[in-house]
Amino acid sequence: MHTLTARIYHDHSHTAPFAQITLDYDTRFLRRKMLETDDGQPILIDLPQTTSLDHGGVLVMADGREVLVQAAAQDLLEIRADDLTRIAWHIGNRHTPCQIEDRRLLIQPDHVIRDMLAKIGATVREVNEPFIPEGGAYGHGRTHSHAH
């Protein structure tokens, strides 16, 4: 089977994608990597710089065809609270990627943050869902921890 090569990424499709690739949040941050589409086609991703691939974005093959990027289900923590805005502030203060919804927040598992959230009144439970966190405020797709 011929290996496809993607050297361009767009945040939205321009044509009907011919294939799909489903990746978790960490795997969607890459520059060069060999992966497979959901139907098993090998694909070399060779981007000019490290890029955050968003759910719904596309990788453009050398021949112009597009592969749709989808967020894979993964283990997450679902957070609910009466004062969700306050809880979101505490999560943001720790530079933790967070999916923000009207009635809940989703973050990657972290026992230290889980304990902190429980102490300040949040209800936390484990879920397995696609993770599509907010991007950075300055047009960057990723936030970063203090460990950078």
Protein backbone atom coordinates (compact mmCIF):
# COMPACT_ATOMS: atom_id res chain seq x y z
CA MET A 1 0.00 0.00 0.00
CA HIS A 2 1.31 3.46 -0.93
CA THR A 3 2.13 5.81 1.94
CA LEU A 4 0.30 9.12 1.76
CA THR A 5 2.14 12.30 2.79
CA ALA A 6 0.59 15.40 4.35
CA ARG A 7 2.68 18.59 4.44
CA ILE A 8 -0.18 21.07 4.89
CA TYR A 9 -2.81 21.46 7.62
CA HIS A 10 -5.97 23.60 7.47
CA ASP A 11 -8.43 24.21 10.31
CA HIS A 12 -11.37 23.42 7.98
CA SER A 13 -12.08 21.36 4.88
CA HIS A 14 -12.04 22.77 1.35
CA THR A 15 -13.26 19.57 -0.34
CA ALA A 16 -14.98 16.37 0.76
CA PRO A 17 -12.33 14.45 2.75
CA PHE A 18 -11.49 11.02 1.31
CA ALA A 19 -10.45 9.59 4.69
CA GLN A 20 -10.52 10.32 8.41
CA ILE A 21 -7.94 10.07 11.18
CA THR A 22 -9.06 9.89 14.81
CA LEU A 23 -6.47 11.02 17.36
CA ASP A 24 -6.46 11.82 21.07
CA TYR A 25 -5.51 15.29 22.31
CA ASP A 26 -1.81 14.57 22.88
CA THR A 27 -1.37 12.85 19.51
CA ARG A 28 -3.01 15.83 17.74
CA PHE A 29 0.10 17.92 18.62
CA LEU A 30 2.81 16.98 16.15
CA ARG A 31 5.15 17.93 13.35
CA ARG A 32 6.39 14.71 11.80
CA LYS A 33 4.91 11.30 12.52
CA MET A 34 3.84 8.11 10.78
CA LEU A 35 0.17 7.32 11.53
CA GLU A 36 -2.77 5.46 9.96
CA THR A 37 -6.15 6.69 8.80
CA ASP A 38 -9.18 5.09 10.45
CA ASP A 39 -9.42 2.65 7.51
CA GLY A 40 -5.76 1.59 7.87
CA GLN A 41 -4.00 3.66 5.20
CA PRO A 42 -0.47 4.65 6.27
CA ILE A 43 0.04 8.40 6.34
CA LEU A 44 3.24 10.36 6.91
CA ILE A 45 2.53 13.71 8.49
CA ASP A 46 5.43 16.03 7.69
CA LEU A 47 4.43 19.57 8.62
CA PRO A 48 6.81 22.56 8.49
CA GLN A 49 6.36 23.18 12.24
CA THR A 50 4.81 21.54 15.27
CA THR A 51 1.07 22.04 14.93
CA SER A 52 -2.03 21.48 17.04
CA LEU A 53 -4.50 19.57 14.85
CA ASP A 54 -8.03 20.60 15.79
CA HIS A 55 -11.14 18.43 15.69
CA GLY A 56 -12.62 19.13 12.25
CA GLY A 57 -9.36 20.26 10.68
CA VAL A 58 -7.82 18.57 7.65
CA LEU A 59 -4.45 17.27 6.57
CA VAL A 60 -3.81 18.01 2.89
CA MET A 61 -2.08 15.26 0.95
CA ALA A 62 0.54 15.98 -1.72
CA ASP A 63 -2.12 15.28 -4.40
CA GLY A 64 -4.56 17.79 -2.82
CA ARG A 65 -6.90 15.26 -1.21
CA GLU A 66 -7.85 15.91 2.41
CA VAL A 67 -7.98 13.71 5.52
CA LEU A 68 -10.43 14.85 8.21
CA VAL A 69 -9.05 15.06 11.77
CA GLN A 70 -11.40 13.83 14.51
CA ALA A 71 -10.95 13.91 18.29
CA ALA A 72 -10.78 10.40 19.77
CA ALA A 73 -12.61 9.43 22.93
CA GLN A 74 -10.21 9.38 25.87
CA ASP A 75 -10.28 9.27 29.66
CA LEU A 76 -11.18 12.68 31.08
CA LEU A 77 -12.44 14.30 34.26
CA GLU A 78 -15.89 15.89 34.09
CA ILE A 79 -16.27 18.80 36.52
CA ARG A 80 -19.55 20.25 37.69
CA ALA A 81 -20.18 22.92 40.32
CA ASP A 82 -22.70 25.56 41.34
CA ASP A 83 -20.06 28.24 40.65
CA LEU A 84 -18.51 26.84 37.47
CA THR A 85 -16.92 30.20 36.61
CA ARG A 86 -14.86 30.12 39.82
CA ILE A 87 -13.83 26.52 39.17
CA ALA A 88 -12.83 27.42 35.58
CA TRP A 89 -10.65 30.22 36.94
CA HIS A 90 -8.77 27.77 39.20
CA ILE A 91 -8.22 25.37 36.27
CA GLY A 92 -7.05 28.20 33.99
CA ASN A 93 -4.74 29.50 36.70
CA ARG A 94 -2.90 26.17 36.42
CA HIS A 95 -2.65 26.42 32.58
CA THR A 96 -4.57 23.15 32.24
CA PRO A 97 -6.23 22.50 28.87
CA CYS A 98 -9.98 22.65 29.47
CA GLN A 99 -13.10 22.01 27.40
CA ILE A 100 -15.66 24.58 28.54
CA GLU A 101 -19.37 23.87 28.24
CA ASP A 102 -22.44 25.54 29.74
CA ARG A 103 -22.86 23.13 32.64
CA ARG A 104 -19.54 21.32 32.89
CA LEU A 105 -15.80 21.41 32.25
CA LEU A 106 -13.62 18.59 30.93
CA ILE A 107 -9.90 18.18 31.66
CA GLN A 108 -7.33 15.42 31.30
CA PRO A 109 -6.90 13.23 34.40
CA ASP A 110 -4.73 14.84 37.05
CA HIS A 111 -4.98 13.63 40.65
CA VAL A 112 -3.56 16.85 42.13
CA ILE A 113 -6.09 19.08 40.32
CA ARG A 114 -8.87 16.56 41.06
CA ASP A 115 -8.13 16.81 44.80
CA MET A 116 -7.97 20.62 44.65
CA LEU A 117 -11.32 20.79 42.81
CA ALA A 118 -13.00 18.53 45.36
CA LYS A 119 -11.70 20.77 48.18
CA ILE A 120 -13.25 23.87 46.60
CA GLY A 121 -16.66 22.29 46.06
CA ALA A 122 -16.62 20.74 42.58
CA THR A 123 -18.07 17.36 41.73
CA VAL A 124 -15.61 15.37 39.63
CA ARG A 125 -16.23 12.10 37.81
CA GLU A 126 -14.36 10.06 35.20
CA VAL A 127 -15.74 9.98 31.64
CA ASN A 128 -14.51 8.73 28.26
CA GLU A 129 -15.25 11.27 25.50
CA PRO A 130 -13.55 13.25 22.75
CA PHE A 131 -11.50 16.14 24.19
CA ILE A 132 -11.76 19.48 22.40
CA PRO A 133 -10.33 22.10 24.78
CA GLU A 134 -10.33 25.85 24.25
CA GLY A 135 -7.40 27.17 22.22
CA GLY A 136 -5.06 29.88 23.41
CA ALA A 137 -6.18 33.49 23.58
CA TYR A 138 -3.63 34.66 21.02
CA GLY A 139 -4.52 32.28 18.22
CA HIS A 140 -2.32 29.43 19.43
CA GLY A 141 -3.99 26.02 19.59
CA ARG A 142 -2.36 24.91 22.82
CA THR A 143 -1.94 26.23 26.29
CA HIS A 144 1.05 24.99 28.25
CA SER A 145 1.83 23.95 31.76
CA HIS A 146 4.42 25.56 33.99
CA ALA A 147 6.65 22.56 33.19
CA HIS A 148 7.58 23.98 29.74
